[in-house]
Amino acid sequence: MFGWLADTQPDEYAKAVHPTDSPAQQEAAKKLLLQRLAKVLDIDPFKNGGTLEILRSGFGYIPRRVVR
């Protein structure tokens, strides 16, 4: 998923996973991104959630700076 996101949405991916961060910070950022994706995929499809809605419309994500 990360490779696809980096290839198709490089600017958005760089906002979420900063290329200048350490590998540990990048892994933590990826974990947060996956947690957000899992959360929106769990939304009831009858309430604008689910896989098809995410594929059609995407999902919002406000990147947080991971501090270690």
C-alpha atoms as a PDB file:
ATOM      1  CA  MET A   1       0.000   0.000   0.000  1.00  0.00           C
ATOM      2  CA  PHE A   2       2.814   2.427   0.834  1.00  0.00           C
ATOM      3  CA  GLY A   3       4.513   1.855  -2.533  1.00  0.00           C
ATOM      4  CA  TRP A   4       1.269   2.502  -4.375  1.00  0.00           C
ATOM      5  CA  LEU A   5       0.590   5.624  -2.339  1.00  0.00           C
ATOM      6  CA  ALA A   6       4.139   6.935  -2.882  1.00  0.00           C
ATOM      7  CA  ASP A   7       3.857   6.288  -6.639  1.00  0.00           C
ATOM      8  CA  THR A   8       0.372   7.708  -7.185  1.00  0.00           C
ATOM      9  CA  GLN A   9       0.268  10.496  -4.579  1.00  0.00           C
ATOM     10  CA  PRO A  10       3.905  11.445  -3.894  1.00  0.00           C
ATOM     11  CA  ASP A  11       3.164  14.883  -2.445  1.00  0.00           C
ATOM     12  CA  GLU A  12       0.498  13.603  -0.066  1.00  0.00           C
ATOM     13  CA  TYR A  13       2.647  10.645   0.925  1.00  0.00           C
ATOM     14  CA  ALA A  14       5.577  12.962   1.702  1.00  0.00           C
ATOM     15  CA  LYS A  15       3.289  14.989   3.979  1.00  0.00           C
ATOM     16  CA  ALA A  16       2.422  11.863   5.948  1.00  0.00           C
ATOM     17  CA  VAL A  17       5.808  10.121   5.847  1.00  0.00           C
ATOM     18  CA  HIS A  18       8.542  12.747   5.742  1.00  0.00           C
ATOM     19  CA  PRO A  19      11.478  11.590   3.598  1.00  0.00           C
ATOM     20  CA  THR A  20      13.953  13.443   5.838  1.00  0.00           C
ATOM     21  CA  ASP A  21      12.819  11.668   9.016  1.00  0.00           C
ATOM     22  CA  SER A  22      14.752   8.822  10.537  1.00  0.00           C
ATOM     23  CA  PRO A  23      13.683   5.268   9.619  1.00  0.00           C
ATOM     24  CA  ALA A  24      12.103   4.875  13.069  1.00  0.00           C
ATOM     25  CA  GLN A  25      10.070   8.064  12.606  1.00  0.00           C
ATOM     26  CA  GLN A  26       8.996   6.959   9.141  1.00  0.00           C
ATOM     27  CA  GLU A  27       7.822   3.610  10.498  1.00  0.00           C
ATOM     28  CA  ALA A  28       5.859   5.360  13.248  1.00  0.00           C
ATOM     29  CA  ALA A  29       4.262   7.676  10.666  1.00  0.00           C
ATOM     30  CA  LYS A  30       3.333   4.680   8.501  1.00  0.00           C
ATOM     31  CA  LYS A  31       1.754   3.014  11.518  1.00  0.00           C
ATOM     32  CA  LEU A  32      -0.389   6.108  12.169  1.00  0.00           C
ATOM     33  CA  LEU A  33      -1.408   6.216   8.517  1.00  0.00           C
ATOM     34  CA  LEU A  34      -2.434   2.550   8.590  1.00  0.00           C
ATOM     35  CA  GLN A  35      -4.397   3.100  11.800  1.00  0.00           C
ATOM     36  CA  ARG A  36      -6.325   5.939  10.156  1.00  0.00           C
ATOM     37  CA  LEU A  37      -7.009   3.860   7.051  1.00  0.00           C
ATOM     38  CA  ALA A  38      -8.243   0.955   9.173  1.00  0.00           C
ATOM     39  CA  LYS A  39     -10.523   3.315  11.079  1.00  0.00           C
ATOM     40  CA  VAL A  40     -12.179   4.715   7.955  1.00  0.00           C
ATOM     41  CA  LEU A  41     -12.507   1.247   6.427  1.00  0.00           C
ATOM     42  CA  ASP A  42     -14.438   0.171   9.532  1.00  0.00           C
ATOM     43  CA  ILE A  43     -17.132   2.813   8.971  1.00  0.00           C
ATOM     44  CA  ASP A  44     -20.474   1.319   7.981  1.00  0.00           C
ATOM     45  CA  PRO A  45     -20.797   1.282   4.162  1.00  0.00           C
ATOM     46  CA  PHE A  46     -24.338   2.644   4.548  1.00  0.00           C
ATOM     47  CA  LYS A  47     -22.887   5.688   6.312  1.00  0.00           C
ATOM     48  CA  ASN A  48     -20.334   6.687   3.648  1.00  0.00           C
ATOM     49  CA  GLY A  49     -17.722   4.167   4.715  1.00  0.00           C
ATOM     50  CA  GLY A  50     -16.223   0.970   3.445  1.00  0.00           C
ATOM     51  CA  THR A  51     -13.697   0.018   0.832  1.00  0.00           C
ATOM     52  CA  LEU A  52     -15.578   1.217  -2.250  1.00  0.00           C
ATOM     53  CA  GLU A  53     -16.203   4.646  -0.762  1.00  0.00           C
ATOM     54  CA  ILE A  54     -12.530   4.993   0.156  1.00  0.00           C
ATOM     55  CA  LEU A  55     -11.488   3.981  -3.365  1.00  0.00           C
ATOM     56  CA  ARG A  56     -13.948   6.443  -4.885  1.00  0.00           C
ATOM     57  CA  SER A  57     -13.409   9.409  -2.598  1.00  0.00           C
ATOM     58  CA  GLY A  58     -10.228   8.827  -0.628  1.00  0.00           C
ATOM     59  CA  PHE A  59      -9.970   9.606   3.048  1.00  0.00           C
ATOM     60  CA  GLY A  60      -8.856  12.511   5.162  1.00  0.00           C
ATOM     61  CA  TYR A  61      -5.671  12.326   7.123  1.00  0.00           C
ATOM     62  CA  ILE A  62      -4.010  15.072   9.114  1.00  0.00           C
ATOM     63  CA  PRO A  63      -0.401  14.002   9.568  1.00  0.00           C
ATOM     64  CA  ARG A  64       0.978  14.341  13.048  1.00  0.00           C
ATOM     65  CA  ARG A  65       4.623  14.932  13.653  1.00  0.00           C
ATOM     66  CA  VAL A  66       6.086  11.862  15.309  1.00  0.00           C
ATOM     67  CA  VAL A  67       8.520  12.888  18.023  1.00  0.00           C
ATOM     68  CA  ARG A  68      10.935  10.435  19.551  1.00  0.00           C
END
